[in-house]
Amino acid sequence: MRYFISFSYKGTAFHGSQTQPNGVTVQETMEQAFATILRVPVALTFSGRTDAGVHAEQMVAHFDQDKALPANLASRLNNLLPSSIAIHDIRPVTNEAHARFDAVARTYHYRITMRKDPFAAELRTRVARGLDFEAMNSAAQLLLGRQDFASFCRVHTDVKTTICDVREARWIIENDNEATFVITADRFLRNMVRAVVGTLFEVGRGKMTQEQFRAVIAAQDRRSAGHSAPPEGLFLVAIDYPRDLFLE
């Protein structure tokens, strides 16, 4: 039987979401908890990957298990896992369902603050005041649609295509000190959101015009875009799937 598990995590203490040899990751931590409770190895396939310091309000992974799962598995996992990881639900899906390839949309938020706040330091990126959000929103509209986003993709990334369909891209001003960039697409490239935000910062600071931003997209060259924004402000907030994947 195949299952989808939905969970969230604060990425500050992790070296990214997926297992790697040099550092503690979300996947490694969760698989150890599964093995402790079920007493068999469990391999999780994540819907995507996040870098060190990036957070997820909703991440999804799938796993296979021949035996029936304990009814209280989510609760037992939450009791065992660190406070930085929370399990939301575990649902049976069709045997062919895939957490990564069957996702039809993903939404990220990038959250910034214009004031020094010790309680938000790990969850928002601090920026200087004076960003022109109107100019940034005008430039963000150029991201919409199906196009090549190679300019915002980490170099030497093994992907078959750098084409994505961006369905929403806008800045929301929450109050005098905080704002959030919302972006939704069918898929995202490695480092794409942070590269987009870093380049929009250039627009907001008056260092790049809207036409220059358009030229960055057209260049399909990472060197033409701005620096990647820091990781702490980035959150994966939603992943959408077809309803017919779920068995209950």
C-alpha atoms as a PDB file:
ATOM      1  CA  MET A   1       0.000   0.000   0.000  1.00  0.00           C
ATOM      2  CA  ARG A   2       1.231   3.500  -0.813  1.00  0.00           C
ATOM      3  CA  TYR A   3       0.628   6.475   1.466  1.00  0.00           C
ATOM      4  CA  PHE A   4       1.012  10.254   1.262  1.00  0.00           C
ATOM      5  CA  ILE A   5       2.223  11.952   4.416  1.00  0.00           C
ATOM      6  CA  SER A   6       1.680  15.684   4.864  1.00  0.00           C
ATOM      7  CA  PHE A   7       3.934  17.519   7.309  1.00  0.00           C
ATOM      8  CA  SER A   8       5.600  20.828   8.099  1.00  0.00           C
ATOM      9  CA  TYR A   9       9.001  21.818   9.398  1.00  0.00           C
ATOM     10  CA  LYS A  10      11.118  24.737  10.469  1.00  0.00           C
ATOM     11  CA  GLY A  11      14.256  24.375   8.389  1.00  0.00           C
ATOM     12  CA  THR A  12      16.658  26.445  10.486  1.00  0.00           C
ATOM     13  CA  ALA A  13      18.456  23.506  12.090  1.00  0.00           C
ATOM     14  CA  PHE A  14      18.447  21.243   9.021  1.00  0.00           C
ATOM     15  CA  HIS A  15      20.859  20.993   6.102  1.00  0.00           C
ATOM     16  CA  GLY A  16      17.945  20.866   3.694  1.00  0.00           C
ATOM     17  CA  SER A  17      15.026  18.502   3.288  1.00  0.00           C
ATOM     18  CA  GLN A  18      16.531  15.506   1.516  1.00  0.00           C
ATOM     19  CA  THR A  19      19.173  13.116   2.826  1.00  0.00           C
ATOM     20  CA  GLN A  20      22.793  14.036   2.196  1.00  0.00           C
ATOM     21  CA  PRO A  21      26.068  12.795   3.664  1.00  0.00           C
ATOM     22  CA  ASN A  22      27.168  15.953   5.476  1.00  0.00           C
ATOM     23  CA  GLY A  23      24.462  17.149   7.818  1.00  0.00           C
ATOM     24  CA  VAL A  24      21.165  16.365   9.503  1.00  0.00           C
ATOM     25  CA  THR A  25      18.172  16.596   7.154  1.00  0.00           C
ATOM     26  CA  VAL A  26      14.405  16.430   7.477  1.00  0.00           C
ATOM     27  CA  GLN A  27      14.203  13.179   5.501  1.00  0.00           C
ATOM     28  CA  GLU A  28      16.828  11.407   7.578  1.00  0.00           C
ATOM     29  CA  THR A  29      15.169  12.499  10.829  1.00  0.00           C
ATOM     30  CA  MET A  30      11.732  11.340   9.707  1.00  0.00           C
ATOM     31  CA  GLU A  31      12.912   8.004   8.325  1.00  0.00           C
ATOM     32  CA  GLN A  32      14.620   7.249  11.626  1.00  0.00           C
ATOM     33  CA  ALA A  33      11.363   7.964  13.478  1.00  0.00           C
ATOM     34  CA  PHE A  34       9.406   5.701  11.116  1.00  0.00           C
ATOM     35  CA  ALA A  35      11.937   2.879  11.568  1.00  0.00           C
ATOM     36  CA  THR A  36      11.794   3.213  15.351  1.00  0.00           C
ATOM     37  CA  ILE A  37       8.008   2.900  15.440  1.00  0.00           C
ATOM     38  CA  LEU A  38       7.377   0.399  12.627  1.00  0.00           C
ATOM     39  CA  ARG A  39      10.617  -1.561  13.177  1.00  0.00           C
ATOM     40  CA  VAL A  40      11.251  -1.721   9.437  1.00  0.00           C
ATOM     41  CA  PRO A  41      13.069   0.708   7.130  1.00  0.00           C
ATOM     42  CA  VAL A  42      10.819   3.265   5.438  1.00  0.00           C
ATOM     43  CA  ALA A  43      12.014   5.241   2.406  1.00  0.00           C
ATOM     44  CA  LEU A  44      10.310   8.606   1.933  1.00  0.00           C
ATOM     45  CA  THR A  45      10.046  10.228  -1.506  1.00  0.00           C
ATOM     46  CA  PHE A  46       9.568  13.966  -1.078  1.00  0.00           C
ATOM     47  CA  SER A  47       7.497  16.107  -3.433  1.00  0.00           C
ATOM     48  CA  GLY A  48      10.509  18.374  -3.800  1.00  0.00           C
ATOM     49  CA  ARG A  49      13.566  19.607  -2.010  1.00  0.00           C
ATOM     50  CA  THR A  50      14.281  22.669   0.088  1.00  0.00           C
ATOM     51  CA  ASP A  51      17.694  24.092   0.862  1.00  0.00           C
ATOM     52  CA  ALA A  52      19.261  24.555   4.281  1.00  0.00           C
ATOM     53  CA  GLY A  53      17.329  27.093   6.332  1.00  0.00           C
ATOM     54  CA  VAL A  54      14.189  26.976   4.159  1.00  0.00           C
ATOM     55  CA  HIS A  55      10.878  26.082   5.800  1.00  0.00           C
ATOM     56  CA  ALA A  56       7.711  24.223   4.799  1.00  0.00           C
ATOM     57  CA  GLU A  57       4.187  24.777   6.066  1.00  0.00           C
ATOM     58  CA  GLN A  58       3.169  21.874   3.871  1.00  0.00           C
ATOM     59  CA  MET A  59       5.490  19.243   2.468  1.00  0.00           C
ATOM     60  CA  VAL A  60       4.273  15.923   1.090  1.00  0.00           C
ATOM     61  CA  ALA A  61       6.121  12.625   0.739  1.00  0.00           C
ATOM     62  CA  HIS A  62       5.048   9.144  -0.233  1.00  0.00           C
ATOM     63  CA  PHE A  63       6.104   5.770   1.162  1.00  0.00           C
ATOM     64  CA  ASP A  64       5.141   2.127   0.737  1.00  0.00           C
ATOM     65  CA  GLN A  65       4.233  -0.248   3.528  1.00  0.00           C
ATOM     66  CA  ASP A  66       2.948  -3.809   3.181  1.00  0.00           C
ATOM     67  CA  LYS A  67       1.494  -4.121   6.668  1.00  0.00           C
ATOM     68  CA  ALA A  68      -1.412  -2.077   7.989  1.00  0.00           C
ATOM     69  CA  LEU A  69      -0.279   1.126   9.688  1.00  0.00           C
ATOM     70  CA  PRO A  70      -1.081   1.757  13.365  1.00  0.00           C
ATOM     71  CA  ALA A  71      -4.134   3.985  13.687  1.00  0.00           C
ATOM     72  CA  ASN A  72      -2.189   6.409  15.869  1.00  0.00           C
ATOM     73  CA  LEU A  73       0.958   6.515  13.696  1.00  0.00           C
ATOM     74  CA  ALA A  74       0.820  10.284  13.092  1.00  0.00           C
ATOM     75  CA  SER A  75       0.494  10.942  16.814  1.00  0.00           C
ATOM     76  CA  ARG A  76       3.347   8.578  17.662  1.00  0.00           C
ATOM     77  CA  LEU A  77       5.579  10.174  15.054  1.00  0.00           C
ATOM     78  CA  ASN A  78       4.840  13.623  16.464  1.00  0.00           C
ATOM     79  CA  ASN A  79       5.759  12.429  19.951  1.00  0.00           C
ATOM     80  CA  LEU A  80       9.090  11.106  18.686  1.00  0.00           C
ATOM     81  CA  LEU A  81      10.097  13.806  16.226  1.00  0.00           C
ATOM     82  CA  PRO A  82      11.724  17.099  17.291  1.00  0.00           C
ATOM     83  CA  SER A  83       9.521  20.158  17.733  1.00  0.00           C
ATOM     84  CA  SER A  84      10.749  21.488  14.381  1.00  0.00           C
ATOM     85  CA  ILE A  85       8.803  18.786  12.467  1.00  0.00           C
ATOM     86  CA  ALA A  86       5.033  18.236  12.685  1.00  0.00           C
ATOM     87  CA  ILE A  87       3.039  15.464  11.010  1.00  0.00           C
ATOM     88  CA  HIS A  88      -0.409  16.556   9.773  1.00  0.00           C
ATOM     89  CA  ASP A  89      -1.921  13.437   8.230  1.00  0.00           C
ATOM     90  CA  ILE A  90      -1.186  10.122   6.531  1.00  0.00           C
ATOM     91  CA  ARG A  91      -3.549   9.040   3.739  1.00  0.00           C
ATOM     92  CA  PRO A  92      -3.658   5.974   1.489  1.00  0.00           C
ATOM     93  CA  VAL A  93      -3.286   6.684  -2.221  1.00  0.00           C
ATOM     94  CA  THR A  94      -3.261   4.688  -5.439  1.00  0.00           C
ATOM     95  CA  ASN A  95      -0.205   2.495  -5.937  1.00  0.00           C
ATOM     96  CA  GLU A  96       0.947   4.642  -8.863  1.00  0.00           C
ATOM     97  CA  ALA A  97       0.639   7.966  -7.018  1.00  0.00           C
ATOM     98  CA  HIS A  98       3.881   9.949  -6.802  1.00  0.00           C
ATOM     99  CA  ALA A  99       4.421  12.819  -4.373  1.00  0.00           C
ATOM    100  CA  ARG A 100       6.665  14.686  -6.786  1.00  0.00           C
ATOM    101  CA  PHE A 101       5.450  13.920 -10.283  1.00  0.00           C
ATOM    102  CA  ASP A 102       1.697  14.031  -9.574  1.00  0.00           C
ATOM    103  CA  ALA A 103       1.726  17.488  -7.993  1.00  0.00           C
ATOM    104  CA  VAL A 104      -0.156  19.932 -10.222  1.00  0.00           C
ATOM    105  CA  ALA A 105       0.798  23.145  -8.406  1.00  0.00           C
ATOM    106  CA  ARG A 106       3.055  24.413  -5.654  1.00  0.00           C
ATOM    107  CA  THR A 107       2.952  27.714  -3.781  1.00  0.00           C
ATOM    108  CA  TYR A 108       5.833  29.447  -2.026  1.00  0.00           C
ATOM    109  CA  HIS A 109       5.839  32.511   0.192  1.00  0.00           C
ATOM    110  CA  TYR A 110       8.902  34.683   0.744  1.00  0.00           C
ATOM    111  CA  ARG A 111       8.485  36.785   3.879  1.00  0.00           C
ATOM    112  CA  ILE A 112      10.419  39.933   4.682  1.00  0.00           C
ATOM    113  CA  THR A 113      10.555  42.409   7.543  1.00  0.00           C
ATOM    114  CA  MET A 114      11.778  46.006   7.557  1.00  0.00           C
ATOM    115  CA  ARG A 115      12.585  46.083  11.262  1.00  0.00           C
ATOM    116  CA  LYS A 116      14.928  44.183  13.538  1.00  0.00           C
ATOM    117  CA  ASP A 117      12.870  41.530  15.315  1.00  0.00           C
ATOM    118  CA  PRO A 118      14.632  38.862  17.392  1.00  0.00           C
ATOM    119  CA  PHE A 119      11.524  36.659  17.231  1.00  0.00           C
ATOM    120  CA  ALA A 120      11.361  36.728  13.428  1.00  0.00           C
ATOM    121  CA  ALA A 121      15.073  36.469  12.649  1.00  0.00           C
ATOM    122  CA  GLU A 122      14.839  32.828  11.541  1.00  0.00           C
ATOM    123  CA  LEU A 123      11.466  33.165   9.806  1.00  0.00           C
ATOM    124  CA  ARG A 124      11.699  36.409   7.836  1.00  0.00           C
ATOM    125  CA  THR A 125      14.478  38.085   5.908  1.00  0.00           C
ATOM    126  CA  ARG A 126      15.310  41.558   7.145  1.00  0.00           C
ATOM    127  CA  VAL A 127      15.622  44.181   4.408  1.00  0.00           C
ATOM    128  CA  ALA A 128      16.135  47.923   4.427  1.00  0.00           C
ATOM    129  CA  ARG A 129      13.146  50.215   4.082  1.00  0.00           C
ATOM    130  CA  GLY A 130      12.471  51.967   0.832  1.00  0.00           C
ATOM    131  CA  LEU A 131      11.653  49.078  -1.497  1.00  0.00           C
ATOM    132  CA  ASP A 132       9.346  50.140  -4.324  1.00  0.00           C
ATOM    133  CA  PHE A 133       6.656  47.450  -4.102  1.00  0.00           C
ATOM    134  CA  GLU A 134       4.687  48.916  -6.998  1.00  0.00           C
ATOM    135  CA  ALA A 135       7.695  48.499  -9.292  1.00  0.00           C
ATOM    136  CA  MET A 136       8.363  45.021  -7.899  1.00  0.00           C
ATOM    137  CA  ASN A 137       4.774  43.974  -8.545  1.00  0.00           C
ATOM    138  CA  SER A 138       4.894  45.307 -12.093  1.00  0.00           C
ATOM    139  CA  ALA A 139       8.046  43.289 -12.733  1.00  0.00           C
ATOM    140  CA  ALA A 140       6.543  40.216 -11.058  1.00  0.00           C
ATOM    141  CA  GLN A 141       3.734  40.198 -13.635  1.00  0.00           C
ATOM    142  CA  LEU A 142       6.360  39.446 -16.290  1.00  0.00           C
ATOM    143  CA  LEU A 143       6.885  36.067 -14.618  1.00  0.00           C
ATOM    144  CA  LEU A 144       3.363  34.884 -15.374  1.00  0.00           C
ATOM    145  CA  GLY A 145       2.748  32.200 -17.960  1.00  0.00           C
ATOM    146  CA  ARG A 146       4.622  29.265 -19.376  1.00  0.00           C
ATOM    147  CA  GLN A 147       8.191  30.263 -20.200  1.00  0.00           C
ATOM    148  CA  ASP A 148      11.843  29.393 -19.711  1.00  0.00           C
ATOM    149  CA  PHE A 149      13.189  30.290 -16.264  1.00  0.00           C
ATOM    150  CA  ALA A 150      16.815  29.222 -16.787  1.00  0.00           C
ATOM    151  CA  SER A 151      17.930  32.674 -15.566  1.00  0.00           C
ATOM    152  CA  PHE A 152      16.617  31.778 -12.119  1.00  0.00           C
ATOM    153  CA  CYS A 153      17.882  28.182 -11.957  1.00  0.00           C
ATOM    154  CA  ARG A 154      20.928  27.051 -10.037  1.00  0.00           C
ATOM    155  CA  VAL A 155      23.687  26.158 -12.499  1.00  0.00           C
ATOM    156  CA  HIS A 156      24.745  22.533 -13.039  1.00  0.00           C
ATOM    157  CA  THR A 157      21.289  21.302 -12.043  1.00  0.00           C
ATOM    158  CA  ASP A 158      20.245  18.030 -13.651  1.00  0.00           C
ATOM    159  CA  VAL A 159      16.814  18.877 -15.092  1.00  0.00           C
ATOM    160  CA  LYS A 160      15.357  18.001 -18.472  1.00  0.00           C
ATOM    161  CA  THR A 161      13.686  21.374 -18.921  1.00  0.00           C
ATOM    162  CA  THR A 162      13.746  24.813 -17.308  1.00  0.00           C
ATOM    163  CA  ILE A 163      10.241  25.688 -18.517  1.00  0.00           C
ATOM    164  CA  CYS A 164       7.659  26.397 -15.809  1.00  0.00           C
ATOM    165  CA  ASP A 165       4.100  27.686 -15.802  1.00  0.00           C
ATOM    166  CA  VAL A 166       3.847  30.506 -13.239  1.00  0.00           C
ATOM    167  CA  ARG A 167       0.218  31.202 -12.306  1.00  0.00           C
ATOM    168  CA  GLU A 168       0.602  33.813  -9.566  1.00  0.00           C
ATOM    169  CA  ALA A 169       3.405  36.196  -8.624  1.00  0.00           C
ATOM    170  CA  ARG A 170       2.781  39.211  -6.415  1.00  0.00           C
ATOM    171  CA  TRP A 171       3.884  41.084  -3.327  1.00  0.00           C
ATOM    172  CA  ILE A 172       1.393  41.524  -0.489  1.00  0.00           C
ATOM    173  CA  ILE A 173       2.065  44.331   1.989  1.00  0.00           C
ATOM    174  CA  GLU A 174       0.918  43.056   5.376  1.00  0.00           C
ATOM    175  CA  ASN A 175       1.673  46.118   7.513  1.00  0.00           C
ATOM    176  CA  ASP A 176       4.200  48.937   7.802  1.00  0.00           C
ATOM    177  CA  ASN A 177       7.010  46.500   8.572  1.00  0.00           C
ATOM    178  CA  GLU A 178       6.226  43.228   6.772  1.00  0.00           C
ATOM    179  CA  ALA A 179       5.495  41.978   3.263  1.00  0.00           C
ATOM    180  CA  THR A 180       5.196  38.607   1.534  1.00  0.00           C
ATOM    181  CA  PHE A 181       5.939  37.520  -2.025  1.00  0.00           C
ATOM    182  CA  VAL A 182       3.471  34.852  -3.209  1.00  0.00           C
ATOM    183  CA  ILE A 183       4.312  32.666  -6.193  1.00  0.00           C
ATOM    184  CA  THR A 184       2.464  29.629  -7.567  1.00  0.00           C
ATOM    185  CA  ALA A 185       3.578  27.410 -10.460  1.00  0.00           C
ATOM    186  CA  ASP A 186       3.230  23.898 -11.768  1.00  0.00           C
ATOM    187  CA  ARG A 187       6.878  23.271 -10.844  1.00  0.00           C
ATOM    188  CA  PHE A 188       9.928  25.119  -9.572  1.00  0.00           C
ATOM    189  CA  LEU A 189      13.616  24.880 -10.399  1.00  0.00           C
ATOM    190  CA  ARG A 190      16.420  24.603  -7.845  1.00  0.00           C
ATOM    191  CA  ASN A 191      16.876  27.978  -6.126  1.00  0.00           C
ATOM    192  CA  MET A 192      14.266  29.554  -8.432  1.00  0.00           C
ATOM    193  CA  VAL A 193      12.183  31.453  -5.881  1.00  0.00           C
ATOM    194  CA  ARG A 194      15.178  32.876  -4.040  1.00  0.00           C
ATOM    195  CA  ALA A 195      16.737  33.958  -7.349  1.00  0.00           C
ATOM    196  CA  VAL A 196      13.484  35.609  -8.437  1.00  0.00           C
ATOM    197  CA  VAL A 197      13.122  37.446  -5.115  1.00  0.00           C
ATOM    198  CA  GLY A 198      16.758  38.562  -5.140  1.00  0.00           C
ATOM    199  CA  THR A 199      16.282  39.992  -8.633  1.00  0.00           C
ATOM    200  CA  LEU A 200      13.023  41.698  -7.647  1.00  0.00           C
ATOM    201  CA  PHE A 201      14.920  43.332  -4.790  1.00  0.00           C
ATOM    202  CA  GLU A 202      17.124  44.930  -7.464  1.00  0.00           C
ATOM    203  CA  VAL A 203      13.981  46.342  -9.079  1.00  0.00           C
ATOM    204  CA  GLY A 204      12.664  47.551  -5.732  1.00  0.00           C
ATOM    205  CA  ARG A 205      15.937  49.335  -4.976  1.00  0.00           C
ATOM    206  CA  GLY A 206      15.904  51.130  -8.315  1.00  0.00           C
ATOM    207  CA  LYS A 207      18.922  49.239  -9.633  1.00  0.00           C
ATOM    208  CA  MET A 208      16.973  47.409 -12.360  1.00  0.00           C
ATOM    209  CA  THR A 209      14.144  48.618 -14.583  1.00  0.00           C
ATOM    210  CA  GLN A 210      11.119  46.581 -15.601  1.00  0.00           C
ATOM    211  CA  GLU A 211      12.547  46.261 -19.113  1.00  0.00           C
ATOM    212  CA  GLN A 212      15.849  45.035 -17.687  1.00  0.00           C
ATOM    213  CA  PHE A 213      13.932  42.480 -15.632  1.00  0.00           C
ATOM    214  CA  ARG A 214      12.211  41.345 -18.827  1.00  0.00           C
ATOM    215  CA  ALA A 215      15.655  41.002 -20.437  1.00  0.00           C
ATOM    216  CA  VAL A 216      16.844  38.871 -17.515  1.00  0.00           C
ATOM    217  CA  ILE A 217      14.059  36.367 -18.163  1.00  0.00           C
ATOM    218  CA  ALA A 218      14.781  36.348 -21.896  1.00  0.00           C
ATOM    219  CA  ALA A 219      18.523  35.831 -21.384  1.00  0.00           C
ATOM    220  CA  GLN A 220      18.041  32.305 -19.950  1.00  0.00           C
ATOM    221  CA  ASP A 221      21.360  32.790 -18.160  1.00  0.00           C
ATOM    222  CA  ARG A 222      21.718  32.698 -14.364  1.00  0.00           C
ATOM    223  CA  ARG A 223      24.503  35.300 -14.552  1.00  0.00           C
ATOM    224  CA  SER A 224      22.035  37.899 -15.779  1.00  0.00           C
ATOM    225  CA  ALA A 225      19.833  37.712 -12.650  1.00  0.00           C
ATOM    226  CA  GLY A 226      20.451  39.077  -9.180  1.00  0.00           C
ATOM    227  CA  HIS A 227      21.861  37.309  -6.149  1.00  0.00           C
ATOM    228  CA  SER A 228      19.667  34.725  -4.439  1.00  0.00           C
ATOM    229  CA  ALA A 229      17.724  36.053  -1.467  1.00  0.00           C
ATOM    230  CA  PRO A 230      18.644  34.499   1.921  1.00  0.00           C
ATOM    231  CA  PRO A 231      16.924  31.206   2.836  1.00  0.00           C
ATOM    232  CA  GLU A 232      15.226  32.082   6.109  1.00  0.00           C
ATOM    233  CA  GLY A 233      12.347  34.000   4.493  1.00  0.00           C
ATOM    234  CA  LEU A 234      11.288  31.178   2.177  1.00  0.00           C
ATOM    235  CA  PHE A 235       8.348  28.865   2.932  1.00  0.00           C
ATOM    236  CA  LEU A 236       6.767  26.115   0.862  1.00  0.00           C
ATOM    237  CA  VAL A 237       3.122  26.620   1.830  1.00  0.00           C
ATOM    238  CA  ALA A 238       0.952  24.423  -0.417  1.00  0.00           C
ATOM    239  CA  ILE A 239       1.113  21.466  -2.826  1.00  0.00           C
ATOM    240  CA  ASP A 240      -1.924  20.517  -4.891  1.00  0.00           C
ATOM    241  CA  TYR A 241      -2.807  17.047  -6.210  1.00  0.00           C
ATOM    242  CA  PRO A 242      -5.685  15.549  -8.228  1.00  0.00           C
ATOM    243  CA  ARG A 243      -8.374  14.272  -5.862  1.00  0.00           C
ATOM    244  CA  ASP A 244      -8.552  10.876  -7.539  1.00  0.00           C
ATOM    245  CA  LEU A 245      -5.125   9.929  -6.150  1.00  0.00           C
ATOM    246  CA  PHE A 246      -6.555   9.552  -2.650  1.00  0.00           C
ATOM    247  CA  LEU A 247      -8.406   6.440  -1.571  1.00  0.00           C
ATOM    248  CA  GLU A 248     -10.146   8.082   1.371  1.00  0.00           C
END
